[in-house]
């Protein structure tokens, strides 16, 4: 009787193992699990690429504007009105200051003009900097990861050009 009971128990155990083994071979739903693991990574990569592209666009736009302002000042006489015109060229793209800014939230106070070397009337170099302009991310990935990390960073291009006028202005 003891051997018979053992055989019956072994048969029942083997049937249970065969049922469990059947589930290990079944692959239905595996694609859904893989998709659930991969989609968040792809979304993060897409968002990071989009944010880098937007930051690069803002930086190059501001750098081109600063270059235009610096080019204007490198050939202009040193008077405060020319500084104001250069700031308008950087922010609006024209010396009249009409229209909308080249980037949202860009203001005249964000543009800093410095002259270096030489004399006050005849400097050697002129520098146009954009200070205080912040990149505003659409997908703030840093805030998702950590509360201290943020993509809301300063965009501060700077352009220095040689002053092209070699003779002081006549009074």
Foldseek 3Di string as FASTA:
>chain_A
DVVVVVVVVVVVVVVVVVVVVVVVPDDPPVVVVVCVVCVVVVVVVVQVVVQVVVLVVVLVLLQVLQVVLQVQQLADWDDVLSLQQSLLCSFPVGSVNDDHGPDPPQDSVQWDKDFDPDDSGAGFKIKIKGPDDWDDGPDFVLCVVPVVDTNRGIRMDMDMDTRDDDDGDDD
